[in-house]
Amino acid sequence: MHSNDAASATKYLTARRVACIGALKLYGLVLAALLCDWMSK
């Protein structure tokens, strides 16, 4: 039971890290698109 809690906590942290990295990548893409759009004007 204790190891199961640890496993679910690790899974939760991993999911959170993946979501965070995904959000950062998306933010970076949006930022780059805005910058390119701004520079092309």
N, C-alpha and C. Protein backbone atom coordinates (compact mmCIF):
# COMPACT_ATOMS: atom_id res chain seq x y z
N MET A 1 0.83 -1.20 0.00
CA MET A 1 0.00 0.00 0.00
C MET A 1 0.87 1.25 0.00
N HIS A 2 1.95 1.23 0.79
CA HIS A 2 2.81 2.40 0.89
C HIS A 2 3.54 2.65 -0.43
N SER A 3 4.01 1.57 -1.06
CA SER A 3 4.73 1.71 -2.32
C SER A 3 3.78 2.18 -3.42
N ASN A 4 2.51 1.81 -3.31
CA ASN A 4 1.51 2.24 -4.28
C ASN A 4 1.31 3.75 -4.19
N ASP A 5 1.31 4.27 -2.97
CA ASP A 5 1.18 5.72 -2.78
C ASP A 5 2.37 6.44 -3.41
N ALA A 6 3.54 5.89 -3.20
CA ALA A 6 4.75 6.50 -3.75
C ALA A 6 4.72 6.46 -5.28
N ALA A 7 4.24 5.35 -5.82
CA ALA A 7 4.17 5.21 -7.28
C ALA A 7 3.18 6.22 -7.86
N SER A 8 2.04 6.38 -7.22
CA SER A 8 1.04 7.32 -7.72
C SER A 8 1.55 8.76 -7.59
N ALA A 9 2.31 9.03 -6.53
CA ALA A 9 2.87 10.37 -6.33
C ALA A 9 3.90 10.66 -7.42
N THR A 10 4.72 9.65 -7.74
CA THR A 10 5.73 9.81 -8.79
C THR A 10 5.05 10.02 -10.13
N LYS A 11 3.98 9.25 -10.37
CA LYS A 11 3.25 9.37 -11.63
C LYS A 11 2.65 10.77 -11.74
N TYR A 12 2.14 11.27 -10.63
CA TYR A 12 1.54 12.60 -10.60
C TYR A 12 2.58 13.68 -10.88
N LEU A 13 3.75 13.54 -10.25
CA LEU A 13 4.83 14.51 -10.47
C LEU A 13 5.32 14.48 -11.91
N THR A 14 5.42 13.27 -12.47
CA THR A 14 5.86 13.13 -13.85
C THR A 14 4.86 13.78 -14.79
N ALA A 15 3.57 13.55 -14.55
CA ALA A 15 2.52 14.14 -15.38
C ALA A 15 2.56 15.65 -15.28
N ARG A 16 2.81 16.14 -14.07
CA ARG A 16 2.87 17.59 -13.87
C ARG A 16 4.07 18.18 -14.61
N ARG A 17 5.21 17.46 -14.56
CA ARG A 17 6.41 17.94 -15.24
C ARG A 17 6.18 17.97 -16.75
N VAL A 18 5.56 16.91 -17.28
CA VAL A 18 5.28 16.83 -18.71
C VAL A 18 4.35 17.97 -19.13
N ALA A 19 3.34 18.23 -18.32
CA ALA A 19 2.39 19.31 -18.63
C ALA A 19 3.09 20.66 -18.59
N CYS A 20 3.99 20.82 -17.64
CA CYS A 20 4.72 22.08 -17.49
C CYS A 20 5.63 22.30 -18.69
N ILE A 21 6.35 21.26 -19.10
CA ILE A 21 7.25 21.36 -20.25
C ILE A 21 6.45 21.64 -21.51
N GLY A 22 5.30 20.96 -21.64
CA GLY A 22 4.44 21.18 -22.81
C GLY A 22 3.96 22.62 -22.87
N ALA A 23 3.58 23.16 -21.70
CA ALA A 23 3.10 24.54 -21.64
C ALA A 23 4.21 25.51 -22.00
N LEU A 24 5.43 25.23 -21.52
CA LEU A 24 6.57 26.10 -21.82
C LEU A 24 6.89 26.08 -23.31
N LYS A 25 6.83 24.89 -23.92
CA LYS A 25 7.10 24.78 -25.35
C LYS A 25 6.05 25.54 -26.14
N LEU A 26 4.79 25.38 -25.74
CA LEU A 26 3.70 26.07 -26.42
C LEU A 26 3.86 27.58 -26.28
N TYR A 27 4.22 28.02 -25.07
CA TYR A 27 4.43 29.44 -24.81
C TYR A 27 5.58 29.97 -25.67
N GLY A 28 6.63 29.17 -25.79
CA GLY A 28 7.77 29.56 -26.60
C GLY A 28 7.40 29.68 -28.08
N LEU A 29 6.57 28.75 -28.56
CA LEU A 29 6.13 28.79 -29.95
C LEU A 29 5.29 30.02 -30.21
N VAL A 30 4.38 30.33 -29.29
CA VAL A 30 3.52 31.51 -29.44
C VAL A 30 4.37 32.77 -29.42
N LEU A 31 5.34 32.80 -28.50
CA LEU A 31 6.22 33.96 -28.38
C LEU A 31 7.04 34.14 -29.66
N ALA A 32 7.56 33.05 -30.20
CA ALA A 32 8.34 33.10 -31.43
C ALA A 32 7.48 33.57 -32.60
N ALA A 33 6.25 33.08 -32.66
CA ALA A 33 5.34 33.48 -33.74
C ALA A 33 5.03 34.97 -33.66
N LEU A 34 4.81 35.46 -32.44
CA LEU A 34 4.53 36.88 -32.25
C LEU A 34 5.74 37.72 -32.64
N LEU A 35 6.93 37.25 -32.26
CA LEU A 35 8.16 37.97 -32.56
C LEU A 35 8.38 38.03 -34.08
N CYS A 36 8.18 36.90 -34.75
CA CYS A 36 8.35 36.85 -36.21
C CYS A 36 7.35 37.77 -36.89
N ASP A 37 6.12 37.75 -36.39
CA ASP A 37 5.07 38.60 -36.95
C ASP A 37 5.43 40.07 -36.77
N TRP A 38 5.95 40.39 -35.58
CA TRP A 38 6.31 41.78 -35.26
C TRP A 38 7.50 42.25 -36.10
N MET A 39 8.48 41.35 -36.31
CA MET A 39 9.68 41.71 -37.07
C MET A 39 9.40 41.83 -38.56
N SER A 40 8.39 41.13 -39.05
CA SER A 40 8.10 41.16 -40.48
C SER A 40 7.33 42.42 -40.88
N LYS A 41 6.87 43.17 -39.89
CA LYS A 41 6.10 44.39 -40.20
C LYS A 41 7.01 45.56 -40.46
